[in-house]
Protein backbone atom coordinates (compact mmCIF):
# COMPACT_ATOMS: atom_id res chain seq x y z
CA UNK A 1 16.51 164.35 116.44
CA UNK A 2 16.39 163.60 120.13
CA UNK A 3 19.20 161.20 120.94
CA UNK A 4 17.98 160.60 124.48
CA UNK A 5 14.88 158.81 123.21
CA UNK A 6 16.77 156.67 120.72
CA UNK A 7 19.36 155.08 123.02
CA UNK A 8 18.80 151.39 123.68
CA UNK A 9 20.87 148.57 125.16
CA UNK A 10 22.06 145.81 122.89
CA UNK A 11 19.68 143.40 124.65
CA UNK A 12 16.75 145.49 123.38
CA UNK A 13 18.10 145.32 119.83
CA UNK A 14 18.50 141.55 120.10
CA UNK A 15 14.99 141.04 121.46
CA UNK A 16 13.23 143.48 119.12
CA UNK A 17 15.30 143.46 115.91
CA UNK A 18 12.34 143.40 113.49
CA UNK A 19 10.52 146.15 115.36
CA UNK A 20 13.66 148.28 115.55
CA UNK A 21 14.26 147.97 111.81
CA UNK A 22 10.63 148.81 111.04
CA UNK A 23 10.70 151.86 113.33
CA UNK A 24 13.99 153.13 111.92
CA UNK A 25 12.71 152.71 108.36
CA UNK A 26 9.50 154.61 109.18
CA UNK A 27 10.98 157.44 111.22
CA UNK A 28 14.38 157.73 109.50
CA UNK A 29 15.76 158.35 113.01
CA UNK A 30 18.93 156.48 113.99
CA UNK A 31 19.23 154.40 117.13
CA UNK A 32 22.26 154.43 119.42
CA UNK A 33 23.01 150.99 120.81
CA UNK A 34 24.84 150.65 124.10
CA UNK A 35 26.93 147.80 125.44
CA UNK A 36 27.85 147.70 129.11
CA UNK A 37 26.37 151.17 129.50
CA UNK A 38 28.50 152.80 126.78
CA UNK A 39 27.31 153.96 123.38
CA UNK A 40 28.94 151.64 120.84
CA UNK A 41 27.12 151.76 117.50
CA UNK A 42 24.53 153.69 115.55
CA UNK A 43 21.85 151.84 113.58
CA UNK A 44 20.27 153.80 110.76
CA UNK A 45 18.36 153.17 107.56
CA UNK A 46 20.34 152.77 104.37
CA UNK A 47 18.88 155.83 102.61
CA UNK A 48 19.88 158.11 105.46
CA UNK A 49 23.34 156.55 105.50
CA UNK A 50 23.77 157.01 101.74
CA UNK A 51 22.55 160.61 101.98
CA UNK A 52 25.02 161.28 104.78
CA UNK A 53 27.88 159.77 102.76
CA UNK A 54 26.91 161.87 99.75
CA UNK A 55 26.81 165.00 101.91
CA UNK A 56 30.23 164.22 103.36
CA UNK A 57 31.66 163.71 99.87
CA UNK A 58 30.29 167.08 98.76
CA UNK A 59 31.71 168.77 101.86
CA UNK A 60 35.12 167.25 101.10
CA UNK A 61 34.94 168.58 97.54
CA UNK A 62 34.03 172.03 98.80
CA UNK A 63 36.86 171.98 101.31
CA UNK A 64 39.38 170.95 98.65
CA UNK A 65 38.05 173.60 96.29
CA UNK A 66 38.38 176.32 98.93
CA UNK A 67 41.92 175.14 99.67
CA UNK A 68 42.84 175.21 95.98
CA UNK A 69 41.45 178.72 95.63
CA UNK A 70 43.38 179.84 98.72
CA UNK A 71 46.59 178.41 97.20
CA UNK A 72 45.91 180.07 93.86
CA UNK A 73 45.60 176.70 92.16
CA UNK A 74 42.81 177.76 89.79
CA UNK A 75 42.09 177.80 86.06
CA UNK A 76 40.04 180.10 83.94
CA UNK A 77 36.87 178.68 82.45
CA UNK A 78 38.54 178.53 79.01
CA UNK A 79 41.51 176.62 80.45
CA UNK A 80 39.22 174.19 82.26
CA UNK A 81 37.16 173.45 79.14
CA UNK A 82 40.30 173.08 77.01
CA UNK A 83 41.66 170.59 79.53
CA UNK A 84 38.39 168.64 79.51
CA UNK A 85 38.33 168.64 75.70
CA UNK A 86 41.88 167.27 75.62
CA UNK A 87 41.02 164.55 78.12
CA UNK A 88 37.89 163.57 76.20
CA UNK A 89 39.83 163.41 72.94
CA UNK A 90 42.56 161.28 74.52
CA UNK A 91 39.90 158.98 75.95
CA UNK A 92 38.09 158.61 72.62
CA UNK A 93 41.42 157.91 70.83
CA UNK A 94 42.23 154.99 73.14
CA UNK A 95 42.00 151.58 71.55
CA UNK A 96 39.87 149.20 73.54
């Protein structure tokens, strides 16, 4: 992704909104919008945004997992499955 080719002033976005949306949807490349010469916002298609959020969530999980391992906060596979079984049983025993 070449950011230098995707920087536009807000006036361009206002004047060409439909074209900008179409281009972003086709290329999946974000656009940086400037206001008074400063980069202010990024416009991107929803699928790319959702993918990025999913990736960030996975990275957070990995980071937490590494931290738990470093602290020694781990369970054996048998302990983990026993804990899940207990949770599932408690859930199925709840009266709705």
